[in-house]
Amino acid sequence: MKRAGLFVVGTDTDVGKTHVATAIVRSLAVTGRRVGVYKPVASGCATADDTAGDAWLLWDAAGKPLAPGDVCPQVFATPIAPHRSARHAGSHVDERLLRTGLDAWLSAADVVVVEGAGGLFSPVGDATLVADLARDFCMPLVIVDAARLGAVGRSLAMCRAARAEGLEVAAVVLSHTTPATGAAHDPASDVAIARDSAADIALRLPTIPVVILEHGATHMPPGVDWAALAGC
């Protein structure tokens, strides 16, 4: 059954997923909806209460509903793939909890934004890929890539791979992970590369919104109905 939500996934690690996810959360929250936030597993932080960690940032953006531990019930310290980080800690990723951890939010929120770990085919457990969770959660994807050279190829490849897996793509977001430099009239500038990449992606995906998120932006730019994309 399709749920009211969006599953944010990157083309790779460090492409701006959390920045995009928190901006979507805030843009949904200003419509008056109760927004839930869920990250099935995280590595590279000690606890979900770590104020620099993805879980806390998502929780803060949503207005601090429930608790950080509900946002991310499985956290492992070593900054490597979650299942290997868990193994390094002498533990394991609970594959069932990856899925059931969402349940608390389904009753507490009108719409849920889920942030994956790594790319669509990154392992989050010994037997589970991010794509498996996206399929199980029945939520459309928001594909995130860094707003830099190569974004067209990476984003289109991810969209085609997602569709091959039977997953719906709701939007593509190019995120400036660092402040953009250069003038718009310089075709090699950060600004022009992002603008032209978004145009090339939109040309090939005419039914999908393609958005550029500026570095440091707290909300998504106007023009896209994120609630409608989430199925609200």
C-alpha atoms as a PDB file:
ATOM      1  CA  MET A   1       0.000   0.000   0.000  1.00  0.00           C
ATOM      2  CA  LYS A   2       1.389   3.365  -1.018  1.00  0.00           C
ATOM      3  CA  ARG A   3       2.071   5.633   1.979  1.00  0.00           C
ATOM      4  CA  ALA A   4       2.166   9.416   2.229  1.00  0.00           C
ATOM      5  CA  GLY A   5       5.890   9.993   2.156  1.00  0.00           C
ATOM      6  CA  LEU A   6       9.085  10.539   0.245  1.00  0.00           C
ATOM      7  CA  PHE A   7      12.231   8.418   0.323  1.00  0.00           C
ATOM      8  CA  VAL A   8      15.364  10.536  -0.152  1.00  0.00           C
ATOM      9  CA  VAL A   9      18.255   8.668  -1.719  1.00  0.00           C
ATOM     10  CA  GLY A  10      21.590   9.817  -3.120  1.00  0.00           C
ATOM     11  CA  THR A  11      23.563   8.867  -6.178  1.00  0.00           C
ATOM     12  CA  ASP A  12      26.441   8.308  -3.721  1.00  0.00           C
ATOM     13  CA  THR A  13      27.574   9.292  -0.236  1.00  0.00           C
ATOM     14  CA  ASP A  14      28.161  12.969   0.613  1.00  0.00           C
ATOM     15  CA  VAL A  15      25.964  14.395  -2.133  1.00  0.00           C
ATOM     16  CA  GLY A  16      23.712  16.430   0.173  1.00  0.00           C
ATOM     17  CA  LYS A  17      20.928  13.992   1.109  1.00  0.00           C
ATOM     18  CA  THR A  18      20.424  15.328   4.628  1.00  0.00           C
ATOM     19  CA  HIS A  19      20.449  18.937   3.413  1.00  0.00           C
ATOM     20  CA  VAL A  20      17.755  18.074   0.878  1.00  0.00           C
ATOM     21  CA  ALA A  21      15.731  15.941   3.289  1.00  0.00           C
ATOM     22  CA  THR A  22      15.645  18.632   5.976  1.00  0.00           C
ATOM     23  CA  ALA A  23      14.684  21.290   3.430  1.00  0.00           C
ATOM     24  CA  ILE A  24      11.798  19.104   2.204  1.00  0.00           C
ATOM     25  CA  VAL A  25      10.723  18.487   5.792  1.00  0.00           C
ATOM     26  CA  ARG A  26      10.590  22.210   6.548  1.00  0.00           C
ATOM     27  CA  SER A  27       8.732  22.933   3.316  1.00  0.00           C
ATOM     28  CA  LEU A  28       6.120  20.312   4.233  1.00  0.00           C
ATOM     29  CA  ALA A  29       5.873  21.528   7.828  1.00  0.00           C
ATOM     30  CA  VAL A  30       4.962  25.103   6.828  1.00  0.00           C
ATOM     31  CA  THR A  31       1.829  23.696   5.148  1.00  0.00           C
ATOM     32  CA  GLY A  32       0.563  22.700   8.611  1.00  0.00           C
ATOM     33  CA  ARG A  33       1.106  18.979   8.204  1.00  0.00           C
ATOM     34  CA  ARG A  34       2.621  16.779  10.885  1.00  0.00           C
ATOM     35  CA  VAL A  35       5.887  15.620   9.327  1.00  0.00           C
ATOM     36  CA  GLY A  36       7.606  12.449  10.471  1.00  0.00           C
ATOM     37  CA  VAL A  37      11.274  11.754   9.823  1.00  0.00           C
ATOM     38  CA  TYR A  38      12.974   8.380   9.670  1.00  0.00           C
ATOM     39  CA  LYS A  39      16.499   7.174   8.935  1.00  0.00           C
ATOM     40  CA  PRO A  40      16.522   3.377   9.246  1.00  0.00           C
ATOM     41  CA  VAL A  41      20.204   3.131  10.192  1.00  0.00           C
ATOM     42  CA  ALA A  42      23.207   5.425  10.462  1.00  0.00           C
ATOM     43  CA  SER A  43      26.929   5.046  10.938  1.00  0.00           C
ATOM     44  CA  GLY A  44      29.590   7.561  11.833  1.00  0.00           C
ATOM     45  CA  CYS A  45      27.963   8.974  14.964  1.00  0.00           C
ATOM     46  CA  ALA A  46      27.827   7.784  18.543  1.00  0.00           C
ATOM     47  CA  THR A  47      24.081   8.178  19.175  1.00  0.00           C
ATOM     48  CA  ALA A  48      20.936   9.507  17.526  1.00  0.00           C
ATOM     49  CA  ASP A  49      21.161  12.455  19.956  1.00  0.00           C
ATOM     50  CA  ASP A  50      24.404  13.658  18.355  1.00  0.00           C
ATOM     51  CA  THR A  51      23.500  17.216  17.301  1.00  0.00           C
ATOM     52  CA  ALA A  52      25.777  16.980  14.272  1.00  0.00           C
ATOM     53  CA  GLY A  53      24.263  13.691  13.116  1.00  0.00           C
ATOM     54  CA  ASP A  54      21.686  13.171  10.378  1.00  0.00           C
ATOM     55  CA  ALA A  55      19.017  11.906  12.789  1.00  0.00           C
ATOM     56  CA  TRP A  56      19.142  14.988  15.018  1.00  0.00           C
ATOM     57  CA  LEU A  57      19.120  17.351  12.030  1.00  0.00           C
ATOM     58  CA  LEU A  58      16.021  15.626  10.618  1.00  0.00           C
ATOM     59  CA  TRP A  59      14.329  15.664  14.024  1.00  0.00           C
ATOM     60  CA  ASP A  60      15.073  19.354  14.506  1.00  0.00           C
ATOM     61  CA  ALA A  61      13.764  20.236  11.040  1.00  0.00           C
ATOM     62  CA  ALA A  62      10.488  18.430  11.781  1.00  0.00           C
ATOM     63  CA  GLY A  63       9.962  20.381  15.001  1.00  0.00           C
ATOM     64  CA  LYS A  64      11.285  17.640  17.319  1.00  0.00           C
ATOM     65  CA  PRO A  65       8.368  15.179  17.278  1.00  0.00           C
ATOM     66  CA  LEU A  66       8.775  11.934  19.236  1.00  0.00           C
ATOM     67  CA  ALA A  67      12.510  11.483  20.016  1.00  0.00           C
ATOM     68  CA  PRO A  68      15.831  11.247  18.116  1.00  0.00           C
ATOM     69  CA  GLY A  69      15.917   7.528  18.879  1.00  0.00           C
ATOM     70  CA  ASP A  70      12.667   7.135  16.966  1.00  0.00           C
ATOM     71  CA  VAL A  71      14.204   8.932  14.000  1.00  0.00           C
ATOM     72  CA  CYS A  72      17.112   6.496  13.845  1.00  0.00           C
ATOM     73  CA  PRO A  73      16.770   3.433  16.093  1.00  0.00           C
ATOM     74  CA  GLN A  74      20.048   1.889  14.929  1.00  0.00           C
ATOM     75  CA  VAL A  75      23.252   3.945  15.134  1.00  0.00           C
ATOM     76  CA  PHE A  76      26.843   2.711  14.888  1.00  0.00           C
ATOM     77  CA  ALA A  77      29.990   4.729  15.491  1.00  0.00           C
ATOM     78  CA  THR A  78      32.497   3.718  12.818  1.00  0.00           C
ATOM     79  CA  PRO A  79      31.971   5.756   9.590  1.00  0.00           C
ATOM     80  CA  ILE A  80      31.710   2.838   7.179  1.00  0.00           C
ATOM     81  CA  ALA A  81      28.794   0.876   5.699  1.00  0.00           C
ATOM     82  CA  PRO A  82      26.237   0.326   8.485  1.00  0.00           C
ATOM     83  CA  HIS A  83      26.337  -3.485   8.495  1.00  0.00           C
ATOM     84  CA  ARG A  84      30.130  -3.419   8.705  1.00  0.00           C
ATOM     85  CA  SER A  85      30.092  -0.668  11.322  1.00  0.00           C
ATOM     86  CA  ALA A  86      27.744  -2.817  13.395  1.00  0.00           C
ATOM     87  CA  ARG A  87      30.003  -5.827  12.997  1.00  0.00           C
ATOM     88  CA  HIS A  88      33.007  -3.751  14.082  1.00  0.00           C
ATOM     89  CA  ALA A  89      31.086  -2.894  17.260  1.00  0.00           C
ATOM     90  CA  GLY A  90      30.392  -6.565  17.916  1.00  0.00           C
ATOM     91  CA  SER A  91      26.753  -6.195  16.954  1.00  0.00           C
ATOM     92  CA  HIS A  92      24.580  -6.517  13.873  1.00  0.00           C
ATOM     93  CA  VAL A  93      21.934  -4.553  12.014  1.00  0.00           C
ATOM     94  CA  ASP A  94      18.449  -5.731  12.961  1.00  0.00           C
ATOM     95  CA  GLU A  95      16.869  -6.218   9.532  1.00  0.00           C
ATOM     96  CA  ARG A  96      13.348  -6.387  10.945  1.00  0.00           C
ATOM     97  CA  LEU A  97      13.822  -3.146  12.900  1.00  0.00           C
ATOM     98  CA  LEU A  98      14.960  -1.410   9.711  1.00  0.00           C
ATOM     99  CA  ARG A  99      11.367  -1.828   8.557  1.00  0.00           C
ATOM    100  CA  THR A 100       9.297  -1.748  11.749  1.00  0.00           C
ATOM    101  CA  GLY A 101      11.047   1.399  12.974  1.00  0.00           C
ATOM    102  CA  LEU A 102       8.851   3.298  10.522  1.00  0.00           C
ATOM    103  CA  ASP A 103       5.668   2.244  12.325  1.00  0.00           C
ATOM    104  CA  ALA A 104       5.903   4.866  15.096  1.00  0.00           C
ATOM    105  CA  TRP A 105       5.802   7.606  12.474  1.00  0.00           C
ATOM    106  CA  LEU A 106       2.882   6.229  10.500  1.00  0.00           C
ATOM    107  CA  SER A 107       0.550   6.945  13.418  1.00  0.00           C
ATOM    108  CA  ALA A 108       2.245  10.170  14.580  1.00  0.00           C
ATOM    109  CA  ALA A 109       2.552  11.999  11.248  1.00  0.00           C
ATOM    110  CA  ASP A 110       0.556  12.975   8.174  1.00  0.00           C
ATOM    111  CA  VAL A 111       3.566  12.465   5.913  1.00  0.00           C
ATOM    112  CA  VAL A 112       6.971  10.861   6.480  1.00  0.00           C
ATOM    113  CA  VAL A 113      10.306  11.783   4.934  1.00  0.00           C
ATOM    114  CA  VAL A 114      12.749   8.872   4.972  1.00  0.00           C
ATOM    115  CA  GLU A 115      16.459   9.381   4.391  1.00  0.00           C
ATOM    116  CA  GLY A 116      18.420   6.423   3.096  1.00  0.00           C
ATOM    117  CA  ALA A 117      22.080   5.693   3.763  1.00  0.00           C
ATOM    118  CA  GLY A 118      24.414   6.073   0.795  1.00  0.00           C
ATOM    119  CA  GLY A 119      23.114   5.240  -2.669  1.00  0.00           C
ATOM    120  CA  LEU A 120      20.130   3.226  -3.844  1.00  0.00           C
ATOM    121  CA  PHE A 121      22.128   0.005  -3.936  1.00  0.00           C
ATOM    122  CA  SER A 122      24.146   0.607  -0.781  1.00  0.00           C
ATOM    123  CA  PRO A 123      23.847  -2.181   1.809  1.00  0.00           C
ATOM    124  CA  VAL A 124      22.179  -1.210   5.074  1.00  0.00           C
ATOM    125  CA  GLY A 125      22.116  -4.748   6.467  1.00  0.00           C
ATOM    126  CA  ASP A 126      23.602  -8.111   5.621  1.00  0.00           C
ATOM    127  CA  ALA A 127      20.595  -8.910   3.424  1.00  0.00           C
ATOM    128  CA  THR A 128      19.086  -5.475   2.738  1.00  0.00           C
ATOM    129  CA  LEU A 129      19.884  -2.715   0.260  1.00  0.00           C
ATOM    130  CA  VAL A 130      18.449   0.794   0.388  1.00  0.00           C
ATOM    131  CA  ALA A 131      16.379  -0.124  -2.680  1.00  0.00           C
ATOM    132  CA  ASP A 132      14.766  -2.961  -0.732  1.00  0.00           C
ATOM    133  CA  LEU A 133      13.598  -0.548   1.972  1.00  0.00           C
ATOM    134  CA  ALA A 134      12.278   1.936  -0.584  1.00  0.00           C
ATOM    135  CA  ARG A 135      10.236  -0.869  -2.145  1.00  0.00           C
ATOM    136  CA  ASP A 136       8.974  -2.131   1.209  1.00  0.00           C
ATOM    137  CA  PHE A 137       7.983   1.375   2.334  1.00  0.00           C
ATOM    138  CA  CYS A 138       6.044   2.033  -0.897  1.00  0.00           C
ATOM    139  CA  MET A 139       7.254   5.623  -1.147  1.00  0.00           C
ATOM    140  CA  PRO A 140       8.398   7.516  -4.254  1.00  0.00           C
ATOM    141  CA  LEU A 141      12.045   8.510  -4.443  1.00  0.00           C
ATOM    142  CA  VAL A 142      13.683  11.907  -4.341  1.00  0.00           C
ATOM    143  CA  ILE A 143      17.038  11.373  -6.028  1.00  0.00           C
ATOM    144  CA  VAL A 144      19.805  13.665  -4.817  1.00  0.00           C
ATOM    145  CA  ASP A 145      23.109  14.420  -6.499  1.00  0.00           C
ATOM    146  CA  ALA A 146      25.763  17.034  -5.850  1.00  0.00           C
ATOM    147  CA  ALA A 147      25.440  20.064  -8.120  1.00  0.00           C
ATOM    148  CA  ARG A 148      28.749  19.508  -9.871  1.00  0.00           C
ATOM    149  CA  LEU A 149      30.088  18.207 -13.164  1.00  0.00           C
ATOM    150  CA  GLY A 150      28.757  14.745 -13.982  1.00  0.00           C
ATOM    151  CA  ALA A 151      25.366  15.289 -12.366  1.00  0.00           C
ATOM    152  CA  VAL A 152      23.483  14.548 -15.577  1.00  0.00           C
ATOM    153  CA  GLY A 153      24.982  11.098 -16.045  1.00  0.00           C
ATOM    154  CA  ARG A 154      24.783  10.161 -12.381  1.00  0.00           C
ATOM    155  CA  SER A 155      21.190  11.322 -11.944  1.00  0.00           C
ATOM    156  CA  LEU A 156      19.863   9.739 -15.135  1.00  0.00           C
ATOM    157  CA  ALA A 157      21.617   6.469 -14.339  1.00  0.00           C
ATOM    158  CA  MET A 158      20.031   6.425 -10.880  1.00  0.00           C
ATOM    159  CA  CYS A 159      16.572   7.200 -12.275  1.00  0.00           C
ATOM    160  CA  ARG A 160      16.818   4.395 -14.816  1.00  0.00           C
ATOM    161  CA  ALA A 161      18.109   1.987 -12.193  1.00  0.00           C
ATOM    162  CA  ALA A 162      15.276   2.918  -9.835  1.00  0.00           C
ATOM    163  CA  ARG A 163      12.659   2.367 -12.511  1.00  0.00           C
ATOM    164  CA  ALA A 164      14.238  -0.969 -13.404  1.00  0.00           C
ATOM    165  CA  GLU A 165      13.695  -1.925  -9.761  1.00  0.00           C
ATOM    166  CA  GLY A 166      10.029  -0.977 -10.009  1.00  0.00           C
ATOM    167  CA  LEU A 167      10.471   2.199  -7.968  1.00  0.00           C
ATOM    168  CA  GLU A 168       8.758   5.519  -8.667  1.00  0.00           C
ATOM    169  CA  VAL A 169      10.887   8.653  -8.980  1.00  0.00           C
ATOM    170  CA  ALA A 170       9.121  11.769  -7.671  1.00  0.00           C
ATOM    171  CA  ALA A 171      11.865  14.377  -8.150  1.00  0.00           C
ATOM    172  CA  VAL A 172      15.557  15.000  -8.735  1.00  0.00           C
ATOM    173  CA  VAL A 173      17.434  17.538  -6.621  1.00  0.00           C
ATOM    174  CA  LEU A 174      20.908  18.899  -7.341  1.00  0.00           C
ATOM    175  CA  SER A 175      22.384  20.105  -4.066  1.00  0.00           C
ATOM    176  CA  HIS A 176      25.186  22.625  -3.729  1.00  0.00           C
ATOM    177  CA  THR A 177      27.241  20.867  -1.050  1.00  0.00           C
ATOM    178  CA  THR A 178      29.592  23.869  -0.924  1.00  0.00           C
ATOM    179  CA  PRO A 179      28.931  27.555  -1.680  1.00  0.00           C
ATOM    180  CA  ALA A 180      28.593  28.075  -5.435  1.00  0.00           C
ATOM    181  CA  THR A 181      31.329  30.117  -7.068  1.00  0.00           C
ATOM    182  CA  GLY A 182      31.678  31.837 -10.412  1.00  0.00           C
ATOM    183  CA  ALA A 183      29.409  33.944 -12.573  1.00  0.00           C
ATOM    184  CA  ALA A 184      26.315  32.620 -14.325  1.00  0.00           C
ATOM    185  CA  HIS A 185      27.707  33.670 -17.726  1.00  0.00           C
ATOM    186  CA  ASP A 186      30.815  31.483 -17.232  1.00  0.00           C
ATOM    187  CA  PRO A 187      29.836  28.012 -18.518  1.00  0.00           C
ATOM    188  CA  ALA A 188      32.429  26.362 -16.240  1.00  0.00           C
ATOM    189  CA  SER A 189      31.191  28.059 -13.061  1.00  0.00           C
ATOM    190  CA  ASP A 190      29.358  26.168 -10.316  1.00  0.00           C
ATOM    191  CA  VAL A 191      26.237  28.223 -10.991  1.00  0.00           C
ATOM    192  CA  ALA A 192      26.195  27.490 -14.731  1.00  0.00           C
ATOM    193  CA  ILE A 193      27.017  23.793 -14.315  1.00  0.00           C
ATOM    194  CA  ALA A 194      24.122  23.333 -11.900  1.00  0.00           C
ATOM    195  CA  ARG A 195      21.723  25.325 -14.096  1.00  0.00           C
ATOM    196  CA  ASP A 196      22.703  23.534 -17.313  1.00  0.00           C
ATOM    197  CA  SER A 197      22.753  20.108 -15.644  1.00  0.00           C
ATOM    198  CA  ALA A 198      19.244  20.637 -14.291  1.00  0.00           C
ATOM    199  CA  ALA A 199      18.059  21.679 -17.763  1.00  0.00           C
ATOM    200  CA  ASP A 200      19.597  18.588 -19.388  1.00  0.00           C
ATOM    201  CA  ILE A 201      18.048  16.278 -16.787  1.00  0.00           C
ATOM    202  CA  ALA A 202      14.637  17.940 -17.115  1.00  0.00           C
ATOM    203  CA  LEU A 203      14.791  17.560 -20.903  1.00  0.00           C
ATOM    204  CA  ARG A 204      15.172  13.799 -20.522  1.00  0.00           C
ATOM    205  CA  LEU A 205      12.747  13.462 -17.597  1.00  0.00           C
ATOM    206  CA  PRO A 206       9.957  15.820 -18.677  1.00  0.00           C
ATOM    207  CA  THR A 207       7.397  14.607 -16.129  1.00  0.00           C
ATOM    208  CA  ILE A 208       9.678  14.880 -13.078  1.00  0.00           C
ATOM    209  CA  PRO A 209      10.543  18.108 -11.213  1.00  0.00           C
ATOM    210  CA  VAL A 210      14.263  18.898 -11.236  1.00  0.00           C
ATOM    211  CA  VAL A 211      15.304  21.295  -8.482  1.00  0.00           C
ATOM    212  CA  ILE A 212      18.528  23.079  -7.512  1.00  0.00           C
ATOM    213  CA  LEU A 213      19.025  23.550  -3.770  1.00  0.00           C
ATOM    214  CA  GLU A 214      21.449  26.291  -2.819  1.00  0.00           C
ATOM    215  CA  HIS A 215      24.107  25.739  -0.173  1.00  0.00           C
ATOM    216  CA  GLY A 216      22.739  26.645   3.254  1.00  0.00           C
ATOM    217  CA  ALA A 217      19.103  26.889   2.120  1.00  0.00           C
ATOM    218  CA  THR A 218      16.685  25.825   4.857  1.00  0.00           C
ATOM    219  CA  HIS A 219      13.632  25.264   2.618  1.00  0.00           C
ATOM    220  CA  MET A 220      13.139  23.982  -0.899  1.00  0.00           C
ATOM    221  CA  PRO A 221      12.753  26.702  -3.535  1.00  0.00           C
ATOM    222  CA  PRO A 222       9.172  27.533  -4.582  1.00  0.00           C
ATOM    223  CA  GLY A 223       7.500  25.901  -7.527  1.00  0.00           C
ATOM    224  CA  VAL A 224       7.183  22.259  -6.466  1.00  0.00           C
ATOM    225  CA  ASP A 225       4.261  20.832  -4.467  1.00  0.00           C
ATOM    226  CA  TRP A 226       6.130  18.403  -2.210  1.00  0.00           C
ATOM    227  CA  ALA A 227       2.931  17.373  -0.433  1.00  0.00           C
ATOM    228  CA  ALA A 228       1.397  16.291  -3.732  1.00  0.00           C
ATOM    229  CA  LEU A 229       4.555  14.387  -4.687  1.00  0.00           C
ATOM    230  CA  ALA A 230       4.378  12.628  -1.313  1.00  0.00           C
ATOM    231  CA  GLY A 231       0.800  11.575  -1.983  1.00  0.00           C
ATOM    232  CA  CYS A 232      -0.816  13.750   0.678  1.00  0.00           C
END
